[in-house]
Structure formats: structure tokens, C-alpha cells
Amino acid sequence: MSPDSVTRGSVRSADDLNRAIRALWLGPGGHPAVPLDDERRAEYARLCAELQAVERGDVTTAA
């Protein structure tokens, strides 16, 4: 997913995004859910792109 596809104006912090990414990899009982299905893989890519934008400072918080 390209960084340009990340929605500007996100209010999620890097910590929130990291928690969401880790949660995708955990299955029932907190065990790793490997491999990810197509839906979870797409969500992972979207979250990683959003996190990269936050880390670069490309995302601003709405007033």
C-alpha cells in the first residue's frame, strides 16, 4: 500500500497503531495467528502504512 493512500488527519498515535498491529497477529488465547488470512493481511498493510506516515510526521491531528 502506498503512503499516499493513507488518510490525512488520523488521530491515532504510534502506540495505538502498534497495539492494533500486534493484535492482528494474536489469535485465540494470545497465540500467534500465522499465517494471516487475506483480510487480516490487508488490514496489516493499511496499519503499517498509517504507522509509517505517523512516524514520518505526515499526519496531523485534527483541530
PDB file of N, CA and C in Angstrom:
ATOM      1  N   MET A   1       0.861  -1.169   0.000  1.00  0.00           N
ATOM      2  CA  MET A   1       0.000   0.000   0.000  1.00  0.00           C
ATOM      3  C   MET A   1       0.898   1.219   0.000  1.00  0.00           C
ATOM      4  N   SER A   2       0.602   2.183  -0.842  1.00  0.00           N
ATOM      5  CA  SER A   2       1.445   3.361  -0.910  1.00  0.00           C
ATOM      6  C   SER A   2       1.128   4.307   0.226  1.00  0.00           C
ATOM      7  N   PRO A   3       2.153   5.060   0.686  1.00  0.00           N
ATOM      8  CA  PRO A   3       1.906   6.022   1.760  1.00  0.00           C
ATOM      9  C   PRO A   3       0.901   7.087   1.364  1.00  0.00           C
ATOM     10  N   ASP A   4       0.761   7.354   0.067  1.00  0.00           N
ATOM     11  CA  ASP A   4      -0.184   8.361  -0.406  1.00  0.00           C
ATOM     12  C   ASP A   4      -1.625   7.954  -0.162  1.00  0.00           C
ATOM     13  N   SER A   5      -1.860   6.652   0.046  1.00  0.00           N
ATOM     14  CA  SER A   5      -3.229   6.192   0.249  1.00  0.00           C
ATOM     15  C   SER A   5      -3.665   6.321   1.707  1.00  0.00           C
ATOM     16  N   VAL A   6      -2.761   6.738   2.585  1.00  0.00           N
ATOM     17  CA  VAL A   6      -3.101   6.922   3.993  1.00  0.00           C
ATOM     18  C   VAL A   6      -3.920   8.189   4.132  1.00  0.00           C
ATOM     19  N   THR A   7      -5.002   8.079   4.864  1.00  0.00           N
ATOM     20  CA  THR A   7      -5.881   9.222   5.071  1.00  0.00           C
ATOM     21  C   THR A   7      -5.208  10.242   5.975  1.00  0.00           C
ATOM     22  N   ARG A   8      -5.163  11.477   5.532  1.00  0.00           N
ATOM     23  CA  ARG A   8      -4.610  12.554   6.335  1.00  0.00           C
ATOM     24  C   ARG A   8      -5.589  12.865   7.465  1.00  0.00           C
ATOM     25  N   GLY A   9      -5.075  13.348   8.578  1.00  0.00           N
ATOM     26  CA  GLY A   9      -5.933  13.742   9.674  1.00  0.00           C
ATOM     27  C   GLY A   9      -6.164  12.643  10.698  1.00  0.00           C
ATOM     28  N   SER A  10      -5.408  11.559  10.613  1.00  0.00           N
ATOM     29  CA  SER A  10      -5.544  10.483  11.590  1.00  0.00           C
ATOM     30  C   SER A  10      -5.191  11.006  12.975  1.00  0.00           C
ATOM     31  N   VAL A  11      -5.888  10.532  13.973  1.00  0.00           N
ATOM     32  CA  VAL A  11      -5.594  10.937  15.339  1.00  0.00           C
ATOM     33  C   VAL A  11      -5.013   9.784  16.146  1.00  0.00           C
ATOM     34  N   ARG A  12      -4.730   8.652  15.507  1.00  0.00           N
ATOM     35  CA  ARG A  12      -4.161   7.516  16.222  1.00  0.00           C
ATOM     36  C   ARG A  12      -2.667   7.735  16.427  1.00  0.00           C
ATOM     37  N   SER A  13      -2.205   7.433  17.613  1.00  0.00           N
ATOM     38  CA  SER A  13      -0.787   7.565  17.923  1.00  0.00           C
ATOM     39  C   SER A  13      -0.035   6.337  17.419  1.00  0.00           C
ATOM     40  N   ALA A  14       1.285   6.456  17.393  1.00  0.00           N
ATOM     41  CA  ALA A  14       2.120   5.319  17.020  1.00  0.00           C
ATOM     42  C   ALA A  14       1.886   4.161  17.984  1.00  0.00           C
ATOM     43  N   ASP A  15       1.721   4.467  19.273  1.00  0.00           N
ATOM     44  CA  ASP A  15       1.450   3.406  20.250  1.00  0.00           C
ATOM     45  C   ASP A  15       0.143   2.687  19.949  1.00  0.00           C
ATOM     46  N   ASP A  16      -0.901   3.445  19.618  1.00  0.00           N
ATOM     47  CA  ASP A  16      -2.193   2.839  19.282  1.00  0.00           C
ATOM     48  C   ASP A  16      -2.067   1.949  18.043  1.00  0.00           C
ATOM     49  N   LEU A  17      -1.347   2.436  17.055  1.00  0.00           N
ATOM     50  CA  LEU A  17      -1.176   1.663  15.819  1.00  0.00           C
ATOM     51  C   LEU A  17      -0.360   0.404  16.079  1.00  0.00           C
ATOM     52  N   ASN A  18       0.691   0.507  16.875  1.00  0.00           N
ATOM     53  CA  ASN A  18       1.490  -0.676  17.214  1.00  0.00           C
ATOM     54  C   ASN A  18       0.647  -1.714  17.942  1.00  0.00           C
ATOM     55  N   ARG A  19      -0.196  -1.271  18.866  1.00  0.00           N
ATOM     56  CA  ARG A  19      -1.086  -2.207  19.580  1.00  0.00           C
ATOM     57  C   ARG A  19      -2.036  -2.901  18.594  1.00  0.00           C
ATOM     58  N   ALA A  20      -2.585  -2.141  17.646  1.00  0.00           N
ATOM     59  CA  ALA A  20      -3.501  -2.721  16.659  1.00  0.00           C
ATOM     60  C   ALA A  20      -2.776  -3.735  15.777  1.00  0.00           C
ATOM     61  N   ILE A  21      -1.547  -3.425  15.401  1.00  0.00           N
ATOM     62  CA  ILE A  21      -0.758  -4.348  14.576  1.00  0.00           C
ATOM     63  C   ILE A  21      -0.465  -5.627  15.353  1.00  0.00           C
ATOM     64  N   ARG A  22      -0.035  -5.494  16.593  1.00  0.00           N
ATOM     65  CA  ARG A  22       0.236  -6.694  17.411  1.00  0.00           C
ATOM     66  C   ARG A  22      -1.026  -7.535  17.586  1.00  0.00           C
ATOM     67  N   ALA A  23      -2.171  -6.880  17.776  1.00  0.00           N
ATOM     68  CA  ALA A  23      -3.428  -7.604  17.975  1.00  0.00           C
ATOM     69  C   ALA A  23      -3.796  -8.447  16.750  1.00  0.00           C
ATOM     70  N   LEU A  24      -3.453  -7.974  15.555  1.00  0.00           N
ATOM     71  CA  LEU A  24      -3.743  -8.755  14.346  1.00  0.00           C
ATOM     72  C   LEU A  24      -3.011 -10.092  14.349  1.00  0.00           C
ATOM     73  N   TRP A  25      -1.830 -10.109  14.931  1.00  0.00           N
ATOM     74  CA  TRP A  25      -1.008 -11.309  14.920  1.00  0.00           C
ATOM     75  C   TRP A  25      -1.360 -12.276  16.034  1.00  0.00           C
ATOM     76  N   LEU A  26      -2.199 -11.850  16.973  1.00  0.00           N
ATOM     77  CA  LEU A  26      -2.568 -12.733  18.070  1.00  0.00           C
ATOM     78  C   LEU A  26      -3.903 -13.405  17.802  1.00  0.00           C
ATOM     79  N   GLY A  27      -3.908 -14.676  17.952  1.00  0.00           N
ATOM     80  CA  GLY A  27      -5.148 -15.422  17.790  1.00  0.00           C
ATOM     81  C   GLY A  27      -5.761 -15.707  19.148  1.00  0.00           C
ATOM     82  N   PRO A  28      -6.675 -16.650  19.199  1.00  0.00           N
ATOM     83  CA  PRO A  28      -7.312 -17.016  20.460  1.00  0.00           C
ATOM     84  C   PRO A  28      -6.276 -17.435  21.497  1.00  0.00           C
ATOM     85  N   GLY A  29      -6.452 -16.947  22.704  1.00  0.00           N
ATOM     86  CA  GLY A  29      -5.538 -17.299  23.779  1.00  0.00           C
ATOM     87  C   GLY A  29      -4.205 -16.578  23.716  1.00  0.00           C
ATOM     88  N   GLY A  30      -4.075 -15.589  22.834  1.00  0.00           N
ATOM     89  CA  GLY A  30      -2.840 -14.826  22.741  1.00  0.00           C
ATOM     90  C   GLY A  30      -1.733 -15.518  21.970  1.00  0.00           C
ATOM     91  N   HIS A  31      -2.081 -16.560  21.231  1.00  0.00           N
ATOM     92  CA  HIS A  31      -1.087 -17.268  20.429  1.00  0.00           C
ATOM     93  C   HIS A  31      -1.003 -16.640  19.048  1.00  0.00           C
ATOM     94  N   PRO A  32       0.191 -16.618  18.459  1.00  0.00           N
ATOM     95  CA  PRO A  32       0.343 -16.031  17.125  1.00  0.00           C
ATOM     96  C   PRO A  32      -0.596 -16.681  16.114  1.00  0.00           C
ATOM     97  N   ALA A  33      -1.231 -15.838  15.310  1.00  0.00           N
ATOM     98  CA  ALA A  33      -2.137 -16.295  14.259  1.00  0.00           C
ATOM     99  C   ALA A  33      -1.393 -16.227  12.922  1.00  0.00           C
ATOM    100  N   VAL A  34      -0.628 -17.245  12.637  1.00  0.00           N
ATOM    101  CA  VAL A  34       0.178 -17.265  11.424  1.00  0.00           C
ATOM    102  C   VAL A  34      -0.281 -18.428  10.583  1.00  0.00           C
ATOM    103  N   PRO A  35      -0.458 -18.313   9.310  1.00  0.00           N
ATOM    104  CA  PRO A  35      -0.357 -17.086   8.534  1.00  0.00           C
ATOM    105  C   PRO A  35      -1.640 -16.262   8.640  1.00  0.00           C
ATOM    106  N   LEU A  36      -1.523 -14.992   8.310  1.00  0.00           N
ATOM    107  CA  LEU A  36      -2.694 -14.117   8.290  1.00  0.00           C
ATOM    108  C   LEU A  36      -3.552 -14.448   7.082  1.00  0.00           C
ATOM    109  N   ASP A  37      -4.875 -14.368   7.250  1.00  0.00           N
ATOM    110  CA  ASP A  37      -5.750 -14.547   6.099  1.00  0.00           C
ATOM    111  C   ASP A  37      -5.710 -13.255   5.272  1.00  0.00           C
ATOM    112  N   ASP A  38      -6.341 -13.283   4.109  1.00  0.00           N
ATOM    113  CA  ASP A  38      -6.283 -12.137   3.193  1.00  0.00           C
ATOM    114  C   ASP A  38      -6.811 -10.850   3.821  1.00  0.00           C
ATOM    115  N   GLU A  39      -7.903 -10.965   4.570  1.00  0.00           N
ATOM    116  CA  GLU A  39      -8.497  -9.778   5.192  1.00  0.00           C
ATOM    117  C   GLU A  39      -7.557  -9.177   6.238  1.00  0.00           C
ATOM    118  N   ARG A  40      -6.982 -10.039   7.068  1.00  0.00           N
ATOM    119  CA  ARG A  40      -6.067  -9.554   8.109  1.00  0.00           C
ATOM    120  C   ARG A  40      -4.770  -9.019   7.491  1.00  0.00           C
ATOM    121  N   ARG A  41      -4.320  -9.622   6.410  1.00  0.00           N
ATOM    122  CA  ARG A  41      -3.114  -9.147   5.721  1.00  0.00           C
ATOM    123  C   ARG A  41      -3.344  -7.749   5.157  1.00  0.00           C
ATOM    124  N   ALA A  42      -4.516  -7.492   4.603  1.00  0.00           N
ATOM    125  CA  ALA A  42      -4.838  -6.168   4.071  1.00  0.00           C
ATOM    126  C   ALA A  42      -4.903  -5.139   5.196  1.00  0.00           C
ATOM    127  N   GLU A  43      -5.497  -5.512   6.326  1.00  0.00           N
ATOM    128  CA  GLU A  43      -5.563  -4.616   7.485  1.00  0.00           C
ATOM    129  C   GLU A  43      -4.158  -4.329   8.006  1.00  0.00           C
ATOM    130  N   TYR A  44      -3.307  -5.349   8.046  1.00  0.00           N
ATOM    131  CA  TYR A  44      -1.920  -5.176   8.487  1.00  0.00           C
ATOM    132  C   TYR A  44      -1.190  -4.172   7.592  1.00  0.00           C
ATOM    133  N   ALA A  45      -1.345  -4.302   6.289  1.00  0.00           N
ATOM    134  CA  ALA A  45      -0.694  -3.381   5.352  1.00  0.00           C
ATOM    135  C   ALA A  45      -1.195  -1.957   5.559  1.00  0.00           C
ATOM    136  N   ARG A  46      -2.495  -1.799   5.774  1.00  0.00           N
ATOM    137  CA  ARG A  46      -3.070  -0.468   5.986  1.00  0.00           C
ATOM    138  C   ARG A  46      -2.533   0.150   7.273  1.00  0.00           C
ATOM    139  N   LEU A  47      -2.498  -0.633   8.346  1.00  0.00           N
ATOM    140  CA  LEU A  47      -1.985  -0.139   9.622  1.00  0.00           C
ATOM    141  C   LEU A  47      -0.498   0.221   9.531  1.00  0.00           C
ATOM    142  N   CYS A  48       0.279  -0.604   8.840  1.00  0.00           N
ATOM    143  CA  CYS A  48       1.707  -0.307   8.688  1.00  0.00           C
ATOM    144  C   CYS A  48       1.919   0.982   7.911  1.00  0.00           C
ATOM    145  N   ALA A  49       1.134   1.195   6.857  1.00  0.00           N
ATOM    146  CA  ALA A  49       1.246   2.434   6.083  1.00  0.00           C
ATOM    147  C   ALA A  49       0.868   3.639   6.937  1.00  0.00           C
ATOM    148  N   GLU A  50      -0.178   3.498   7.747  1.00  0.00           N
ATOM    149  CA  GLU A  50      -0.592   4.587   8.630  1.00  0.00           C
ATOM    150  C   GLU A  50       0.490   4.868   9.670  1.00  0.00           C
ATOM    151  N   LEU A  51       1.086   3.814  10.225  1.00  0.00           N
ATOM    152  CA  LEU A  51       2.153   3.981  11.204  1.00  0.00           C
ATOM    153  C   LEU A  51       3.358   4.679  10.578  1.00  0.00           C
ATOM    154  N   GLN A  52       3.729   4.291   9.372  1.00  0.00           N
ATOM    155  CA  GLN A  52       4.851   4.941   8.695  1.00  0.00           C
ATOM    156  C   GLN A  52       4.587   6.424   8.496  1.00  0.00           C
ATOM    157  N   ALA A  53       3.363   6.783   8.143  1.00  0.00           N
ATOM    158  CA  ALA A  53       3.012   8.185   7.952  1.00  0.00           C
ATOM    159  C   ALA A  53       3.127   8.951   9.268  1.00  0.00           C
ATOM    160  N   VAL A  54       2.677   8.334  10.359  1.00  0.00           N
ATOM    161  CA  VAL A  54       2.773   8.974  11.678  1.00  0.00           C
ATOM    162  C   VAL A  54       4.242   9.169  12.046  1.00  0.00           C
ATOM    163  N   GLU A  55       5.050   8.141  11.821  1.00  0.00           N
ATOM    164  CA  GLU A  55       6.463   8.220  12.183  1.00  0.00           C
ATOM    165  C   GLU A  55       7.210   9.263  11.355  1.00  0.00           C
ATOM    166  N   ARG A  56       6.789   9.464  10.104  1.00  0.00           N
ATOM    167  CA  ARG A  56       7.407  10.486   9.250  1.00  0.00           C
ATOM    168  C   ARG A  56       6.906  11.881   9.583  1.00  0.00           C
ATOM    169  N   GLY A  57       5.803  11.948  10.310  1.00  0.00           N
ATOM    170  CA  GLY A  57       5.208  13.241  10.624  1.00  0.00           C
ATOM    171  C   GLY A  57       4.295  13.748   9.532  1.00  0.00           C
ATOM    172  N   ASP A  58       3.846  12.842   8.648  1.00  0.00           N
ATOM    173  CA  ASP A  58       2.964  13.214   7.542  1.00  0.00           C
ATOM    174  C   ASP A  58       1.520  13.414   7.983  1.00  0.00           C
ATOM    175  N   VAL A  59       1.188  12.979   9.171  1.00  0.00           N
ATOM    176  CA  VAL A  59      -0.198  13.000   9.646  1.00  0.00           C
ATOM    177  C   VAL A  59      -0.323  14.098  10.689  1.00  0.00           C
ATOM    178  N   THR A  60      -1.371  14.877  10.546  1.00  0.00           N
ATOM    179  CA  THR A  60      -1.613  15.942  11.515  1.00  0.00           C
ATOM    180  C   THR A  60      -2.892  15.629  12.279  1.00  0.00           C
ATOM    181  N   THR A  61      -2.959  16.086  13.490  1.00  0.00           N
ATOM    182  CA  THR A  61      -4.139  15.887  14.319  1.00  0.00           C
ATOM    183  C   THR A  61      -5.162  16.957  13.993  1.00  0.00           C
ATOM    184  N   ALA A  62      -6.407  16.556  13.826  1.00  0.00           N
ATOM    185  CA  ALA A  62      -7.474  17.498  13.532  1.00  0.00           C
ATOM    186  C   ALA A  62      -7.664  18.444  14.710  1.00  0.00           C
ATOM    187  N   ALA A  63      -7.993  19.689  14.393  1.00  0.00           N
ATOM    188  CA  ALA A  63      -8.190  20.704  15.450  1.00  0.00           C
ATOM    189  C   ALA A  63      -9.484  20.498  16.180  1.00  0.00           C
TER     190      ALA A  63
END
